[in-house]
């Protein structure tokens, strides 16, 4: 009996030791994978870093290495100009680790990825074909930044997010103004008025509001609505709304784009 008990204890201790070694090897393996990925990340070879992060997350989906690697993978996709997978990684991080102290950065990354991904739309707003474009990414970027500053008003990323939100609001207003002018040129005066009113209601602090008032003046005049035309013209005059002032404001707003692009 004593011999059997001794054998049992030896086997049990050996099993515990083996389990501890396996767990230790596992932790070392996760750390090793993360270290290798971080080297590529720091070297800015983002494609190689992403591949290593993917291996790490597939083998060890939980723990601090998985969490940190997911954020760094999202950033890597963003730096490579791939907004969709960057946003996907940030969304997974937010869903899986909502209490992580760096979750505010995930919201910020979502905003940045959409912000950069919408460059084509934002830089062609003054073209003839811009009226049929949908600035969906701009709106999604705006919403991500808004969620960041609402949830984390004291985040270190909030000041920059607020600046980008103002810029995006100006761009979205400009887009709606372009469509209002498109309707006006084609004699769709009611549609022009409605879109111009959207600019004034949704983006009251945008430079595009002066242009929106001017569209309304011209649309009301074309429809023979003299009283509404004159009332709108008075508001336009109070806001310094000459054609030259409107054009100058829009040009200045367009120039401000470059301070954000990085």
C-alpha atoms as a PDB file:
ATOM      1  CA  UNK A   1       0.000   0.000   0.000  1.00  0.00           C
ATOM      2  CA  UNK A   2       2.801   2.376   0.891  1.00  0.00           C
ATOM      3  CA  UNK A   3       4.534   1.541  -2.382  1.00  0.00           C
ATOM      4  CA  UNK A   4       1.357   2.249  -4.373  1.00  0.00           C
ATOM      5  CA  UNK A   5       0.830   5.561  -2.581  1.00  0.00           C
ATOM      6  CA  UNK A   6       4.409   6.605  -3.264  1.00  0.00           C
ATOM      7  CA  UNK A   7       4.045   5.779  -6.936  1.00  0.00           C
ATOM      8  CA  UNK A   8       0.791   7.748  -7.068  1.00  0.00           C
ATOM      9  CA  UNK A   9       2.410  10.793  -5.475  1.00  0.00           C
ATOM     10  CA  UNK A  10       5.347  10.648  -7.858  1.00  0.00           C
ATOM     11  CA  UNK A  11       3.048  10.429 -10.885  1.00  0.00           C
ATOM     12  CA  UNK A  12       0.893  13.268  -9.583  1.00  0.00           C
ATOM     13  CA  UNK A  13       3.866  15.519  -8.925  1.00  0.00           C
ATOM     14  CA  UNK A  14       5.288  14.705 -12.339  1.00  0.00           C
ATOM     15  CA  UNK A  15       1.959  15.563 -13.963  1.00  0.00           C
ATOM     16  CA  UNK A  16       1.787  18.876 -12.104  1.00  0.00           C
ATOM     17  CA  UNK A  17       5.330  19.676 -13.091  1.00  0.00           C
ATOM     18  CA  UNK A  18       4.557  18.840 -16.722  1.00  0.00           C
ATOM     19  CA  UNK A  19       1.424  20.994 -16.656  1.00  0.00           C
ATOM     20  CA  UNK A  20       3.356  23.900 -15.182  1.00  0.00           C
ATOM     21  CA  UNK A  21       6.054  23.501 -17.823  1.00  0.00           C
ATOM     22  CA  UNK A  22       3.452  23.420 -20.611  1.00  0.00           C
ATOM     23  CA  UNK A  23       1.828  26.555 -19.227  1.00  0.00           C
ATOM     24  CA  UNK A  24       5.230  28.220 -18.935  1.00  0.00           C
ATOM     25  CA  UNK A  25       6.110  27.230 -22.496  1.00  0.00           C
ATOM     26  CA  UNK A  26       2.764  28.553 -23.660  1.00  0.00           C
ATOM     27  CA  UNK A  27       3.360  31.930 -22.031  1.00  0.00           C
ATOM     28  CA  UNK A  28       6.860  32.078 -23.435  1.00  0.00           C
ATOM     29  CA  UNK A  29       5.555  31.183 -26.877  1.00  0.00           C
ATOM     30  CA  UNK A  30       2.944  33.955 -26.786  1.00  0.00           C
ATOM     31  CA  UNK A  31       5.539  36.409 -25.575  1.00  0.00           C
ATOM     32  CA  UNK A  32       7.984  35.278 -28.222  1.00  0.00           C
ATOM     33  CA  UNK A  33       5.413  35.701 -30.992  1.00  0.00           C
ATOM     34  CA  UNK A  34       4.498  39.147 -29.740  1.00  0.00           C
ATOM     35  CA  UNK A  35       8.140  40.209 -29.445  1.00  0.00           C
ATOM     36  CA  UNK A  36       8.830  39.123 -33.023  1.00  0.00           C
ATOM     37  CA  UNK A  37       5.752  40.954 -34.283  1.00  0.00           C
ATOM     38  CA  UNK A  38       6.650  44.085 -32.333  1.00  0.00           C
ATOM     39  CA  UNK A  39      10.093  44.143 -33.923  1.00  0.00           C
ATOM     40  CA  UNK A  40       8.463  44.259 -37.374  1.00  0.00           C
ATOM     41  CA  UNK A  41       5.966  46.844 -36.122  1.00  0.00           C
ATOM     42  CA  UNK A  42       8.736  49.109 -34.829  1.00  0.00           C
ATOM     43  CA  UNK A  43      10.596  48.691 -38.104  1.00  0.00           C
ATOM     44  CA  UNK A  44       7.394  49.827 -39.880  1.00  0.00           C
ATOM     45  CA  UNK A  45       7.292  46.665 -41.946  1.00  0.00           C
ATOM     46  CA  UNK A  46       3.596  46.480 -41.239  1.00  0.00           C
ATOM     47  CA  UNK A  47       2.699  43.631 -43.570  1.00  0.00           C
ATOM     48  CA  UNK A  48       5.139  41.288 -41.815  1.00  0.00           C
ATOM     49  CA  UNK A  49       3.935  42.502 -38.417  1.00  0.00           C
ATOM     50  CA  UNK A  50       0.307  41.801 -39.337  1.00  0.00           C
ATOM     51  CA  UNK A  51       1.103  38.207 -40.298  1.00  0.00           C
ATOM     52  CA  UNK A  52       2.807  37.581 -36.972  1.00  0.00           C
ATOM     53  CA  UNK A  53      -0.002  39.253 -35.030  1.00  0.00           C
ATOM     54  CA  UNK A  54      -2.498  37.001 -36.817  1.00  0.00           C
ATOM     55  CA  UNK A  55      -0.567  33.890 -35.778  1.00  0.00           C
ATOM     56  CA  UNK A  56      -0.394  35.120 -32.196  1.00  0.00           C
ATOM     57  CA  UNK A  57      -4.117  35.812 -32.025  1.00  0.00           C
ATOM     58  CA  UNK A  58      -5.067  32.491 -33.599  1.00  0.00           C
ATOM     59  CA  UNK A  59      -2.984  30.536 -31.088  1.00  0.00           C
ATOM     60  CA  UNK A  60      -3.512  32.670 -28.012  1.00  0.00           C
ATOM     61  CA  UNK A  61      -6.730  34.685 -28.416  1.00  0.00           C
ATOM     62  CA  UNK A  62      -6.791  35.828 -24.793  1.00  0.00           C
ATOM     63  CA  UNK A  63      -4.415  37.637 -22.490  1.00  0.00           C
ATOM     64  CA  UNK A  64      -2.452  40.840 -22.621  1.00  0.00           C
ATOM     65  CA  UNK A  65      -0.435  39.915 -25.696  1.00  0.00           C
ATOM     66  CA  UNK A  66      -3.594  39.262 -27.714  1.00  0.00           C
ATOM     67  CA  UNK A  67      -5.085  42.564 -26.613  1.00  0.00           C
ATOM     68  CA  UNK A  68      -2.035  44.645 -27.391  1.00  0.00           C
ATOM     69  CA  UNK A  69      -1.416  42.876 -30.687  1.00  0.00           C
ATOM     70  CA  UNK A  70      -4.967  43.575 -31.864  1.00  0.00           C
ATOM     71  CA  UNK A  71      -4.520  47.311 -31.401  1.00  0.00           C
ATOM     72  CA  UNK A  72      -1.133  47.278 -33.098  1.00  0.00           C
ATOM     73  CA  UNK A  73      -2.527  45.213 -35.954  1.00  0.00           C
ATOM     74  CA  UNK A  74      -5.329  47.743 -36.439  1.00  0.00           C
ATOM     75  CA  UNK A  75      -2.765  50.531 -36.558  1.00  0.00           C
ATOM     76  CA  UNK A  76      -0.640  48.538 -39.011  1.00  0.00           C
ATOM     77  CA  UNK A  77      -3.576  48.164 -41.382  1.00  0.00           C
ATOM     78  CA  UNK A  78      -4.293  51.880 -41.045  1.00  0.00           C
ATOM     79  CA  UNK A  79      -0.699  52.792 -41.896  1.00  0.00           C
ATOM     80  CA  UNK A  80      -0.839  50.520 -44.929  1.00  0.00           C
ATOM     81  CA  UNK A  81      -3.885  52.387 -46.238  1.00  0.00           C
ATOM     82  CA  UNK A  82      -6.305  49.521 -45.618  1.00  0.00           C
ATOM     83  CA  UNK A  83      -9.189  51.093 -43.687  1.00  0.00           C
ATOM     84  CA  UNK A  84     -11.606  48.148 -43.748  1.00  0.00           C
ATOM     85  CA  UNK A  85      -9.395  45.615 -41.895  1.00  0.00           C
ATOM     86  CA  UNK A  86      -8.147  48.388 -39.601  1.00  0.00           C
ATOM     87  CA  UNK A  87     -11.719  49.162 -38.573  1.00  0.00           C
ATOM     88  CA  UNK A  88     -12.501  45.458 -38.265  1.00  0.00           C
ATOM     89  CA  UNK A  89      -9.600  44.918 -35.866  1.00  0.00           C
ATOM     90  CA  UNK A  90     -10.569  47.996 -33.836  1.00  0.00           C
ATOM     91  CA  UNK A  91     -14.190  46.810 -33.651  1.00  0.00           C
ATOM     92  CA  UNK A  92     -13.100  43.360 -32.442  1.00  0.00           C
ATOM     93  CA  UNK A  93     -10.969  44.977 -29.776  1.00  0.00           C
ATOM     94  CA  UNK A  94     -13.869  47.147 -28.586  1.00  0.00           C
ATOM     95  CA  UNK A  95     -16.214  44.153 -28.495  1.00  0.00           C
ATOM     96  CA  UNK A  96     -13.831  41.723 -26.792  1.00  0.00           C
ATOM     97  CA  UNK A  97     -12.069  44.092 -24.421  1.00  0.00           C
ATOM     98  CA  UNK A  98     -14.493  46.940 -23.581  1.00  0.00           C
ATOM     99  CA  UNK A  99     -12.823  47.585 -20.237  1.00  0.00           C
ATOM    100  CA  UNK A 100      -9.289  47.751 -21.542  1.00  0.00           C
ATOM    101  CA  UNK A 101      -7.638  51.054 -20.525  1.00  0.00           C
ATOM    102  CA  UNK A 102      -6.714  51.663 -24.182  1.00  0.00           C
ATOM    103  CA  UNK A 103     -10.171  51.153 -25.666  1.00  0.00           C
ATOM    104  CA  UNK A 104     -10.371  54.891 -26.345  1.00  0.00           C
ATOM    105  CA  UNK A 105      -7.528  54.437 -28.812  1.00  0.00           C
ATOM    106  CA  UNK A 106      -9.579  51.817 -30.673  1.00  0.00           C
ATOM    107  CA  UNK A 107     -12.357  54.370 -31.237  1.00  0.00           C
ATOM    108  CA  UNK A 108      -9.778  56.911 -32.340  1.00  0.00           C
ATOM    109  CA  UNK A 109      -8.261  54.449 -34.803  1.00  0.00           C
ATOM    110  CA  UNK A 110     -11.697  53.769 -36.297  1.00  0.00           C
ATOM    111  CA  UNK A 111     -12.140  57.462 -36.884  1.00  0.00           C
ATOM    112  CA  UNK A 112      -8.677  57.804 -38.414  1.00  0.00           C
ATOM    113  CA  UNK A 113      -9.153  54.826 -40.721  1.00  0.00           C
ATOM    114  CA  UNK A 114     -12.425  56.157 -42.110  1.00  0.00           C
ATOM    115  CA  UNK A 115     -10.974  59.659 -42.265  1.00  0.00           C
ATOM    116  CA  UNK A 116      -8.096  58.537 -44.467  1.00  0.00           C
ATOM    117  CA  UNK A 117     -10.250  56.132 -46.446  1.00  0.00           C
ATOM    118  CA  UNK A 118     -12.558  58.916 -47.617  1.00  0.00           C
ATOM    119  CA  UNK A 119      -9.825  61.033 -49.214  1.00  0.00           C
ATOM    120  CA  UNK A 120     -11.093  60.415 -52.720  1.00  0.00           C
ATOM    121  CA  UNK A 121     -14.517  61.786 -51.921  1.00  0.00           C
ATOM    122  CA  UNK A 122     -13.271  64.679 -49.839  1.00  0.00           C
ATOM    123  CA  UNK A 123     -10.831  65.923 -52.453  1.00  0.00           C
ATOM    124  CA  UNK A 124     -13.265  65.826 -55.376  1.00  0.00           C
ATOM    125  CA  UNK A 125     -16.171  67.721 -53.894  1.00  0.00           C
ATOM    126  CA  UNK A 126     -15.759  70.594 -56.340  1.00  0.00           C
ATOM    127  CA  UNK A 127     -15.798  68.286 -59.379  1.00  0.00           C
ATOM    128  CA  UNK A 128     -18.817  67.939 -61.636  1.00  0.00           C
ATOM    129  CA  UNK A 129     -19.333  64.290 -60.672  1.00  0.00           C
ATOM    130  CA  UNK A 130     -19.263  64.839 -56.896  1.00  0.00           C
ATOM    131  CA  UNK A 131     -23.031  65.255 -56.582  1.00  0.00           C
ATOM    132  CA  UNK A 132     -23.622  61.523 -56.958  1.00  0.00           C
ATOM    133  CA  UNK A 133     -21.017  60.483 -54.388  1.00  0.00           C
ATOM    134  CA  UNK A 134     -22.020  59.188 -50.966  1.00  0.00           C
ATOM    135  CA  UNK A 135     -19.708  60.499 -48.209  1.00  0.00           C
ATOM    136  CA  UNK A 136     -20.421  57.457 -46.062  1.00  0.00           C
ATOM    137  CA  UNK A 137     -16.894  57.119 -44.711  1.00  0.00           C
ATOM    138  CA  UNK A 138     -16.838  60.769 -43.670  1.00  0.00           C
ATOM    139  CA  UNK A 139     -20.026  60.241 -41.712  1.00  0.00           C
ATOM    140  CA  UNK A 140     -18.711  57.055 -40.115  1.00  0.00           C
ATOM    141  CA  UNK A 141     -15.473  58.795 -39.204  1.00  0.00           C
ATOM    142  CA  UNK A 142     -17.451  61.644 -37.653  1.00  0.00           C
ATOM    143  CA  UNK A 143     -19.538  59.141 -35.663  1.00  0.00           C
ATOM    144  CA  UNK A 144     -16.455  57.301 -34.370  1.00  0.00           C
ATOM    145  CA  UNK A 145     -14.830  60.509 -33.213  1.00  0.00           C
ATOM    146  CA  UNK A 146     -18.103  61.613 -31.644  1.00  0.00           C
ATOM    147  CA  UNK A 147     -18.370  58.357 -29.720  1.00  0.00           C
ATOM    148  CA  UNK A 148     -14.809  58.779 -28.528  1.00  0.00           C
ATOM    149  CA  UNK A 149     -15.323  62.264 -27.130  1.00  0.00           C
ATOM    150  CA  UNK A 150     -18.689  61.291 -25.618  1.00  0.00           C
ATOM    151  CA  UNK A 151     -17.402  58.180 -23.875  1.00  0.00           C
ATOM    152  CA  UNK A 152     -13.924  59.464 -23.067  1.00  0.00           C
ATOM    153  CA  UNK A 153     -14.015  63.257 -22.788  1.00  0.00           C
ATOM    154  CA  UNK A 154     -10.662  63.273 -20.958  1.00  0.00           C
ATOM    155  CA  UNK A 155      -8.868  61.001 -23.422  1.00  0.00           C
ATOM    156  CA  UNK A 156      -5.582  62.249 -24.827  1.00  0.00           C
ATOM    157  CA  UNK A 157      -7.054  61.672 -28.294  1.00  0.00           C
ATOM    158  CA  UNK A 158     -10.162  63.814 -27.739  1.00  0.00           C
ATOM    159  CA  UNK A 159      -8.665  67.217 -28.693  1.00  0.00           C
ATOM    160  CA  UNK A 160      -7.515  65.936 -32.084  1.00  0.00           C
ATOM    161  CA  UNK A 161     -10.816  64.119 -32.587  1.00  0.00           C
ATOM    162  CA  UNK A 162     -12.711  67.378 -32.027  1.00  0.00           C
ATOM    163  CA  UNK A 163     -10.633  69.161 -34.659  1.00  0.00           C
ATOM    164  CA  UNK A 164     -11.214  66.374 -37.148  1.00  0.00           C
ATOM    165  CA  UNK A 165     -14.944  66.357 -36.384  1.00  0.00           C
ATOM    166  CA  UNK A 166     -15.157  70.060 -37.203  1.00  0.00           C
ATOM    167  CA  UNK A 167     -13.318  69.504 -40.435  1.00  0.00           C
ATOM    168  CA  UNK A 168     -15.565  66.565 -41.347  1.00  0.00           C
ATOM    169  CA  UNK A 169     -18.664  68.599 -40.528  1.00  0.00           C
ATOM    170  CA  UNK A 170     -17.441  71.290 -42.919  1.00  0.00           C
ATOM    171  CA  UNK A 171     -16.803  68.702 -45.625  1.00  0.00           C
ATOM    172  CA  UNK A 172     -20.199  67.045 -45.192  1.00  0.00           C
ATOM    173  CA  UNK A 173     -21.837  70.465 -45.338  1.00  0.00           C
ATOM    174  CA  UNK A 174     -19.897  71.281 -48.492  1.00  0.00           C
ATOM    175  CA  UNK A 175     -21.042  68.028 -50.042  1.00  0.00           C
ATOM    176  CA  UNK A 176     -24.694  68.837 -49.303  1.00  0.00           C
ATOM    177  CA  UNK A 177     -24.188  72.348 -50.653  1.00  0.00           C
ATOM    178  CA  UNK A 178     -22.798  70.934 -53.875  1.00  0.00           C
ATOM    179  CA  UNK A 179     -25.904  68.791 -54.257  1.00  0.00           C
ATOM    180  CA  UNK A 180     -28.148  71.777 -53.519  1.00  0.00           C
ATOM    181  CA  UNK A 181     -26.416  73.715 -56.288  1.00  0.00           C
ATOM    182  CA  UNK A 182     -26.754  70.692 -58.576  1.00  0.00           C
ATOM    183  CA  UNK A 183     -30.523  70.714 -58.009  1.00  0.00           C
ATOM    184  CA  UNK A 184     -30.660  74.473 -58.490  1.00  0.00           C
ATOM    185  CA  UNK A 185     -28.896  74.314 -61.854  1.00  0.00           C
ATOM    186  CA  UNK A 186     -31.414  71.761 -63.047  1.00  0.00           C
ATOM    187  CA  UNK A 187     -34.440  73.694 -61.882  1.00  0.00           C
ATOM    188  CA  UNK A 188     -35.306  71.318 -59.026  1.00  0.00           C
ATOM    189  CA  UNK A 189     -35.885  74.282 -56.763  1.00  0.00           C
ATOM    190  CA  UNK A 190     -37.777  72.560 -53.948  1.00  0.00           C
ATOM    191  CA  UNK A 191     -35.104  69.882 -53.697  1.00  0.00           C
ATOM    192  CA  UNK A 192     -32.457  72.613 -53.709  1.00  0.00           C
ATOM    193  CA  UNK A 193     -34.163  74.429 -50.836  1.00  0.00           C
ATOM    194  CA  UNK A 194     -34.544  71.227 -48.819  1.00  0.00           C
ATOM    195  CA  UNK A 195     -30.889  70.287 -49.207  1.00  0.00           C
ATOM    196  CA  UNK A 196     -29.766  73.825 -48.395  1.00  0.00           C
ATOM    197  CA  UNK A 197     -31.902  73.767 -45.264  1.00  0.00           C
ATOM    198  CA  UNK A 198     -30.172  70.529 -44.247  1.00  0.00           C
ATOM    199  CA  UNK A 199     -26.833  72.334 -44.437  1.00  0.00           C
ATOM    200  CA  UNK A 200     -28.077  75.103 -42.159  1.00  0.00           C
ATOM    201  CA  UNK A 201     -29.777  72.735 -39.693  1.00  0.00           C
ATOM    202  CA  UNK A 202     -27.124  70.014 -39.454  1.00  0.00           C
ATOM    203  CA  UNK A 203     -23.979  72.137 -39.823  1.00  0.00           C
ATOM    204  CA  UNK A 204     -24.866  75.608 -38.508  1.00  0.00           C
ATOM    205  CA  UNK A 205     -21.240  76.592 -37.858  1.00  0.00           C
ATOM    206  CA  UNK A 206     -19.947  75.563 -41.258  1.00  0.00           C
ATOM    207  CA  UNK A 207     -18.771  78.119 -43.850  1.00  0.00           C
ATOM    208  CA  UNK A 208     -21.147  76.364 -46.249  1.00  0.00           C
ATOM    209  CA  UNK A 209     -24.181  77.880 -44.507  1.00  0.00           C
ATOM    210  CA  UNK A 210     -23.677  81.126 -46.432  1.00  0.00           C
ATOM    211  CA  UNK A 211     -23.700  79.247 -49.703  1.00  0.00           C
ATOM    212  CA  UNK A 212     -26.800  77.367 -48.582  1.00  0.00           C
ATOM    213  CA  UNK A 213     -28.610  80.649 -47.889  1.00  0.00           C
ATOM    214  CA  UNK A 214     -27.631  81.897 -51.334  1.00  0.00           C
ATOM    215  CA  UNK A 215     -29.072  78.747 -52.928  1.00  0.00           C
ATOM    216  CA  UNK A 216     -32.309  79.312 -51.043  1.00  0.00           C
ATOM    217  CA  UNK A 217     -32.501  82.926 -52.199  1.00  0.00           C
ATOM    218  CA  UNK A 218     -32.085  81.893 -55.827  1.00  0.00           C
ATOM    219  CA  UNK A 219     -34.486  78.954 -55.551  1.00  0.00           C
ATOM    220  CA  UNK A 220     -37.198  81.071 -53.919  1.00  0.00           C
ATOM    221  CA  UNK A 221     -36.691  83.741 -56.577  1.00  0.00           C
ATOM    222  CA  UNK A 222     -37.051  81.162 -59.343  1.00  0.00           C
ATOM    223  CA  UNK A 223     -40.310  79.923 -57.785  1.00  0.00           C
ATOM    224  CA  UNK A 224     -41.664  83.460 -57.386  1.00  0.00           C
ATOM    225  CA  UNK A 225     -41.732  83.216 -53.580  1.00  0.00           C
ATOM    226  CA  UNK A 226     -40.816  86.815 -53.036  1.00  0.00           C
ATOM    227  CA  UNK A 227     -41.428  87.023 -49.274  1.00  0.00           C
ATOM    228  CA  UNK A 228     -39.330  83.943 -48.528  1.00  0.00           C
ATOM    229  CA  UNK A 229     -36.644  85.169 -50.901  1.00  0.00           C
ATOM    230  CA  UNK A 230     -36.437  88.535 -49.203  1.00  0.00           C
ATOM    231  CA  UNK A 231     -36.440  87.039 -45.688  1.00  0.00           C
ATOM    232  CA  UNK A 232     -33.624  84.671 -46.613  1.00  0.00           C
ATOM    233  CA  UNK A 233     -31.689  87.483 -48.282  1.00  0.00           C
ATOM    234  CA  UNK A 234     -31.876  89.518 -45.072  1.00  0.00           C
ATOM    235  CA  UNK A 235     -30.445  86.573 -43.110  1.00  0.00           C
ATOM    236  CA  UNK A 236     -27.754  86.183 -45.744  1.00  0.00           C
ATOM    237  CA  UNK A 237     -26.845  89.867 -45.522  1.00  0.00           C
ATOM    238  CA  UNK A 238     -26.626  89.659 -41.743  1.00  0.00           C
ATOM    239  CA  UNK A 239     -24.145  86.810 -42.118  1.00  0.00           C
ATOM    240  CA  UNK A 240     -21.975  88.672 -44.593  1.00  0.00           C
ATOM    241  CA  UNK A 241     -23.207  86.459 -47.353  1.00  0.00           C
ATOM    242  CA  UNK A 242     -22.022  88.004 -50.582  1.00  0.00           C
ATOM    243  CA  UNK A 243     -21.010  85.647 -53.353  1.00  0.00           C
ATOM    244  CA  UNK A 244     -17.369  86.688 -52.936  1.00  0.00           C
ATOM    245  CA  UNK A 245     -17.417  86.078 -49.180  1.00  0.00           C
ATOM    246  CA  UNK A 246     -18.993  82.671 -49.664  1.00  0.00           C
ATOM    247  CA  UNK A 247     -16.417  81.658 -52.257  1.00  0.00           C
ATOM    248  CA  UNK A 248     -13.560  82.875 -50.052  1.00  0.00           C
ATOM    249  CA  UNK A 249     -14.866  80.934 -47.053  1.00  0.00           C
ATOM    250  CA  UNK A 250     -15.171  77.717 -49.041  1.00  0.00           C
ATOM    251  CA  UNK A 251     -11.674  78.156 -50.495  1.00  0.00           C
ATOM    252  CA  UNK A 252     -10.222  78.706 -47.027  1.00  0.00           C
ATOM    253  CA  UNK A 253     -11.994  75.624 -45.737  1.00  0.00           C
ATOM    254  CA  UNK A 254     -10.634  73.510 -48.582  1.00  0.00           C
ATOM    255  CA  UNK A 255      -7.100  74.712 -47.832  1.00  0.00           C
ATOM    256  CA  UNK A 256      -7.453  73.636 -44.183  1.00  0.00           C
ATOM    257  CA  UNK A 257      -7.611  69.991 -45.263  1.00  0.00           C
ATOM    258  CA  UNK A 258      -3.851  69.672 -45.474  1.00  0.00           C
ATOM    259  CA  UNK A 259      -3.225  70.374 -41.788  1.00  0.00           C
ATOM    260  CA  UNK A 260      -5.074  67.167 -40.935  1.00  0.00           C
ATOM    261  CA  UNK A 261      -3.727  64.824 -43.564  1.00  0.00           C
ATOM    262  CA  UNK A 262      -0.947  62.666 -42.214  1.00  0.00           C
END
